[in-house]
Amino acid sequence: MEKIVVMMSGLPGKMATLIAKGILEDDRFELANFCLTGPTPPLFESPVPLFPPERREEVLGRKFDIAVDFTEPDAVNSNAEFYCQNDIPFVMGTTKGDRKALLETVERSSIPAVIAPNMAGPIVGFMDMIRYGAENYPGLFEGFHLKLSESHQEGKKGVSGTATALGKEFNKLGAVNQEGEPFNEGDITSIRDKKFQRDVLGVPEDDLDGHGWHTSELTSSDGTVVLRFTHNVNGRELYVPCTLKAILFLHQKVQEGATGVFSMYDVLRG
């Protein structure tokens, strides 16, 4: 099998660097020796050319098959438009941005893309179970009050995409916020304070700079029933294997001539 050449967008960020390392160690892939980077200037000299948003056009004509994007929320939509306009299939691991516009951009294009708020296989599987419940048991948690919290390293921008996705599925199951209104992203508690994470939550010291802890708590209106779902991920290594699976899945879709948006649910099932 000919190696799949991957352009890693987001270097020298920590997540992009970890994925790039996984690509380098896997004989099925070849890492392109250039990449796109986010609008924030890198803090140190990179061993490969980094092209910020205003210089994106310079990667055109260089050899690569697929882009994997772990840049910054501010670059999500403009990067996606660039990929679609130039027929570059991509895996979007970067969260936030205008997700509705992101999906519409791909659906209007002639390429396939994998777009997911979470690349950790076990967590994606858990989210799919909640999604299955929302589709098959609408109103199961009617009147239940939802509390949803997420803790990530202090450098993470915005609310966790995983938490946002979970909130939407619990909404479909009938859960509401503490005021009895439909649960929305503004109701999510985002924790970025290291002292609180270590001393109160119990995040290990070594993982304060790289973790994803989520807790969803559903309480019946009369307080007699409480359901709590917790998933804690320490470090970033769990995200690598499924990102590589997503690249393989997307490459296959390119070979099939497919277009449109695919999710990590599709990747895991495929």
Protein backbone atom coordinates (compact mmCIF):
# COMPACT_ATOMS: atom_id res chain seq x y z
CA MET A 1 0.00 0.00 0.00
CA GLU A 2 1.33 3.41 -0.95
CA LYS A 3 1.85 5.64 2.05
CA ILE A 4 -0.75 8.30 2.78
CA VAL A 5 0.96 11.70 2.94
CA VAL A 6 -0.50 13.83 5.73
CA MET A 7 -0.16 17.56 6.25
CA MET A 8 -0.44 18.18 10.00
CA SER A 9 -2.12 21.53 10.56
CA GLY A 10 -1.50 22.96 13.99
CA LEU A 11 2.18 22.38 14.65
CA PRO A 12 3.88 23.18 16.98
CA GLY A 13 0.81 22.78 19.23
CA LYS A 14 0.89 19.92 21.75
CA MET A 15 -1.99 17.92 20.26
CA ALA A 16 -0.75 18.37 16.69
CA THR A 17 2.76 17.39 17.76
CA LEU A 18 1.52 14.20 19.41
CA ILE A 19 -0.52 13.23 16.32
CA ALA A 20 2.46 14.01 14.08
CA LYS A 21 4.62 11.69 16.21
CA GLY A 22 2.02 8.94 15.78
CA ILE A 23 2.06 9.45 12.02
CA LEU A 24 5.85 9.30 11.90
CA GLU A 25 5.86 6.00 13.83
CA ASP A 26 3.29 4.33 11.57
CA ASP A 27 4.48 2.77 8.30
CA ARG A 28 1.13 3.45 6.63
CA PHE A 29 1.73 7.21 6.65
CA GLU A 30 4.21 9.83 5.62
CA LEU A 31 4.29 13.21 7.36
CA ALA A 32 4.59 16.20 5.04
CA ASN A 33 7.54 18.43 5.98
CA PHE A 34 5.39 21.59 6.10
CA CYS A 35 2.12 22.53 7.76
CA LEU A 36 -0.50 25.18 8.39
CA THR A 37 -0.47 26.85 11.78
CA GLY A 38 -3.04 28.92 13.63
CA PRO A 39 -3.28 32.71 13.80
CA THR A 40 -1.30 32.81 17.07
CA PRO A 41 2.45 33.00 16.30
CA PRO A 42 4.39 29.93 17.55
CA LEU A 43 6.51 30.46 20.64
CA PHE A 44 9.59 28.77 19.23
CA GLU A 45 11.38 28.06 15.96
CA SER A 46 9.89 25.12 14.06
CA PRO A 47 12.03 22.55 12.21
CA VAL A 48 9.50 22.60 9.32
CA PRO A 49 7.95 25.58 7.51
CA LEU A 50 4.79 26.84 9.25
CA PHE A 51 2.26 28.71 7.14
CA PRO A 52 -0.11 31.00 9.08
CA PRO A 53 -3.58 31.81 7.66
CA GLU A 54 -2.38 34.68 5.49
CA ARG A 55 0.16 32.36 3.77
CA ARG A 56 -2.02 29.26 3.33
CA GLU A 57 -1.81 29.42 -0.46
CA GLU A 58 1.89 28.52 -0.27
CA VAL A 59 1.13 24.87 0.53
CA LEU A 60 -0.74 24.40 -2.75
CA GLY A 61 1.23 22.38 -5.25
CA ARG A 62 3.16 20.57 -2.50
CA LYS A 63 2.67 16.82 -2.19
CA PHE A 64 0.14 15.58 0.37
CA ASP A 65 -3.11 13.59 0.36
CA ILE A 66 -4.99 14.62 3.49
CA ALA A 67 -4.86 17.45 6.02
CA VAL A 68 -5.34 16.79 9.72
CA ASP A 69 -6.35 19.96 11.57
CA PHE A 70 -5.59 20.61 15.24
CA THR A 71 -5.05 24.35 15.01
CA GLU A 72 -7.11 26.96 16.89
CA PRO A 73 -10.84 27.73 17.11
CA ASP A 74 -10.26 31.02 15.29
CA ALA A 75 -8.89 29.14 12.27
CA VAL A 76 -11.55 26.41 11.99
CA ASN A 77 -13.86 27.99 9.44
CA SER A 78 -11.28 29.72 7.28
CA ASN A 79 -9.14 26.56 7.17
CA ALA A 80 -12.16 24.46 6.20
CA GLU A 81 -13.04 26.91 3.42
CA PHE A 82 -9.46 26.71 2.17
CA TYR A 83 -9.49 22.89 2.18
CA CYS A 84 -12.83 22.74 0.37
CA GLN A 85 -11.95 25.36 -2.23
CA ASN A 86 -8.76 23.46 -3.07
CA ASP A 87 -10.15 19.90 -2.94
CA ILE A 88 -8.15 18.89 0.14
CA PRO A 89 -9.86 16.12 2.17
CA PHE A 90 -9.40 16.83 5.87
CA VAL A 91 -9.87 15.51 9.40
CA MET A 92 -11.00 18.34 11.67
CA GLY A 93 -10.05 17.70 15.30
CA THR A 94 -10.07 21.38 16.24
CA THR A 95 -13.19 22.27 18.21
CA LYS A 96 -15.41 25.36 18.26
CA GLY A 97 -15.67 27.85 15.42
CA ASP A 98 -19.05 28.12 13.68
CA ARG A 99 -19.92 24.43 13.47
CA LYS A 100 -23.06 24.93 11.40
CA ALA A 101 -21.11 26.92 8.81
CA LEU A 102 -18.32 24.31 8.95
CA LEU A 103 -20.70 21.49 8.04
CA GLU A 104 -22.38 23.54 5.32
CA THR A 105 -19.00 24.40 3.79
CA VAL A 106 -18.13 20.72 3.42
CA GLU A 107 -21.58 19.71 2.18
CA ARG A 108 -21.33 22.29 -0.61
CA SER A 109 -17.90 21.03 -1.66
CA SER A 110 -16.69 18.07 -3.72
CA ILE A 111 -14.59 16.51 -0.93
CA PRO A 112 -15.18 14.23 2.06
CA ALA A 113 -14.14 15.29 5.57
CA VAL A 114 -14.17 13.75 9.04
CA ILE A 115 -15.33 16.29 11.63
CA ALA A 116 -15.45 15.40 15.33
CA PRO A 117 -15.32 17.22 18.68
CA ASN A 118 -13.52 14.24 20.23
CA MET A 119 -11.01 11.75 18.81
CA ALA A 120 -10.83 9.38 21.79
CA GLY A 121 -12.42 6.06 20.82
CA PRO A 122 -13.93 5.02 24.18
CA ILE A 123 -15.34 8.51 24.74
CA VAL A 124 -16.79 8.64 21.22
CA GLY A 125 -18.40 5.26 21.91
CA PHE A 126 -19.91 6.57 25.14
CA MET A 127 -21.25 9.64 23.36
CA ASP A 128 -22.75 7.41 20.68
CA MET A 129 -24.62 5.47 23.38
CA ILE A 130 -26.11 8.72 24.65
CA ARG A 131 -26.97 9.66 21.07
CA TYR A 132 -28.63 6.28 20.56
CA GLY A 133 -30.71 6.92 23.67
CA ALA A 134 -31.73 10.35 22.41
CA GLU A 135 -32.88 8.87 19.09
CA ASN A 136 -34.71 5.88 20.55
CA TYR A 137 -35.97 7.10 23.93
CA PRO A 138 -37.02 10.73 23.40
CA GLY A 139 -38.15 12.35 26.64
CA LEU A 140 -36.53 9.65 28.80
CA PHE A 141 -35.17 12.33 31.16
CA GLU A 142 -38.16 14.67 30.87
CA GLY A 143 -37.98 17.20 33.70
CA PHE A 144 -34.56 16.04 34.91
CA HIS A 145 -32.17 18.87 35.73
CA LEU A 146 -28.75 18.58 34.12
CA LYS A 147 -25.45 19.78 35.53
CA LEU A 148 -22.54 19.40 33.16
CA SER A 149 -18.95 20.30 33.98
CA GLU A 150 -15.70 19.92 32.08
CA SER A 151 -12.10 20.43 33.13
CA HIS A 152 -9.22 20.91 30.69
CA GLN A 153 -5.72 22.39 30.73
CA GLU A 154 -5.74 26.15 31.29
CA GLY A 155 -4.64 26.88 27.72
CA LYS A 156 -7.77 25.34 26.16
CA LYS A 157 -9.90 28.01 24.55
CA GLY A 158 -13.68 27.99 24.91
CA VAL A 159 -16.03 25.30 26.15
CA SER A 160 -15.21 21.65 25.45
CA GLY A 161 -16.77 20.46 22.21
CA THR A 162 -17.44 17.10 23.86
CA ALA A 163 -19.41 18.77 26.66
CA THR A 164 -21.39 20.83 24.14
CA ALA A 165 -22.26 17.70 22.14
CA LEU A 166 -23.32 15.83 25.29
CA GLY A 167 -25.52 18.72 26.37
CA LYS A 168 -27.34 18.65 23.04
CA GLU A 169 -28.05 14.92 23.31
CA PHE A 170 -29.30 15.20 26.90
CA ASN A 171 -31.54 18.03 25.69
CA LYS A 172 -33.14 15.62 23.22
CA LEU A 173 -33.76 13.25 26.12
CA GLY A 174 -35.77 15.97 27.83
CA ALA A 175 -33.21 17.26 30.36
CA VAL A 176 -33.32 20.95 31.30
CA ASN A 177 -31.01 23.37 33.12
CA GLN A 178 -31.38 24.39 36.75
CA GLU A 179 -33.98 27.02 35.83
CA GLY A 180 -36.09 24.52 33.92
CA GLU A 181 -35.12 25.91 30.53
CA PRO A 182 -33.57 23.94 27.64
CA PHE A 183 -29.94 23.18 28.46
CA ASN A 184 -27.43 25.09 26.34
CA GLU A 185 -23.69 25.67 26.13
CA GLY A 186 -23.88 28.61 28.54
CA ASP A 187 -24.99 26.22 31.29
CA ILE A 188 -21.77 24.19 31.11
CA THR A 189 -19.22 24.77 33.88
CA SER A 190 -15.72 25.03 32.39
CA ILE A 191 -12.82 24.63 34.82
CA ARG A 192 -9.35 25.88 33.91
CA ASP A 193 -7.85 26.72 37.31
CA LYS A 194 -4.93 24.39 38.10
CA LYS A 195 -5.24 24.69 41.89
CA PHE A 196 -8.93 23.79 41.81
CA GLN A 197 -8.27 20.94 39.39
CA ARG A 198 -5.53 19.48 41.58
CA ASP A 199 -6.89 20.14 45.08
CA VAL A 200 -10.64 19.77 44.54
CA LEU A 201 -11.13 17.57 41.48
CA GLY A 202 -8.05 15.44 42.05
CA VAL A 203 -6.45 15.79 38.62
CA PRO A 204 -2.92 14.31 38.91
CA GLU A 205 -0.18 16.93 38.95
CA ASP A 206 1.46 15.46 35.85
CA ASP A 207 -1.77 15.81 33.86
CA LEU A 208 -2.76 19.38 34.71
CA ASP A 209 -1.35 20.50 31.36
CA GLY A 210 -3.18 17.84 29.38
CA HIS A 211 -6.47 16.28 30.49
CA GLY A 212 -10.18 16.15 29.71
CA TRP A 213 -12.56 15.44 32.59
CA HIS A 214 -16.35 15.53 32.08
CA THR A 215 -19.21 14.92 34.50
CA SER A 216 -22.90 14.93 33.59
CA GLU A 217 -25.33 14.78 36.52
CA LEU A 218 -29.07 14.34 36.00
CA THR A 219 -31.46 14.86 38.93
CA SER A 220 -35.19 14.21 38.83
CA SER A 221 -37.48 17.13 39.60
CA ASP A 222 -38.33 15.72 43.05
CA GLY A 223 -34.70 14.87 43.83
CA THR A 224 -35.31 11.16 44.31
CA VAL A 225 -33.27 9.99 41.31
CA VAL A 226 -29.71 10.98 40.43
CA LEU A 227 -27.73 9.65 37.48
CA ARG A 228 -24.08 10.62 37.12
CA PHE A 229 -21.89 9.94 34.09
CA THR A 230 -18.18 10.67 34.44
CA HIS A 231 -15.36 10.15 31.98
CA ASN A 232 -11.86 11.34 32.77
CA VAL A 233 -8.98 11.28 30.32
CA ASN A 234 -5.46 12.05 31.56
CA GLY A 235 -2.88 12.96 28.95
CA ARG A 236 -3.43 13.14 25.19
CA GLU A 237 -2.22 9.73 24.03
CA LEU A 238 -5.76 8.27 23.82
CA TYR A 239 -6.55 10.60 20.91
CA VAL A 240 -3.82 9.31 18.61
CA PRO A 241 -5.07 5.83 17.53
CA CYS A 242 -8.52 7.03 16.47
CA THR A 243 -7.10 10.02 14.64
CA LEU A 244 -5.00 7.60 12.60
CA LYS A 245 -8.14 5.50 12.02
CA ALA A 246 -9.90 8.64 10.82
CA ILE A 247 -7.12 9.28 8.28
CA LEU A 248 -7.40 5.73 6.93
CA PHE A 249 -11.20 5.96 6.82
CA LEU A 250 -11.09 9.29 4.99
CA HIS A 251 -8.50 8.02 2.50
CA GLN A 252 -10.83 5.11 1.70
CA LYS A 253 -13.73 7.52 1.18
CA VAL A 254 -11.58 9.52 -1.23
CA GLN A 255 -10.85 6.33 -3.19
CA GLU A 256 -14.60 5.63 -3.32
CA GLY A 257 -15.33 9.13 -4.64
CA ALA A 258 -17.45 9.98 -1.58
CA THR A 259 -18.22 13.54 -0.55
CA GLY A 260 -19.74 15.20 2.51
CA VAL A 261 -19.29 15.08 6.26
CA PHE A 262 -18.41 11.97 8.23
CA SER A 263 -18.19 11.68 12.02
CA MET A 264 -16.08 9.62 14.38
CA TYR A 265 -19.14 7.44 14.80
CA ASP A 266 -18.76 6.58 11.10
CA VAL A 267 -15.04 5.96 11.57
CA LEU A 268 -15.49 3.57 14.48
CA ARG A 269 -18.29 1.67 12.74
CA GLY A 270 -16.41 1.58 9.44
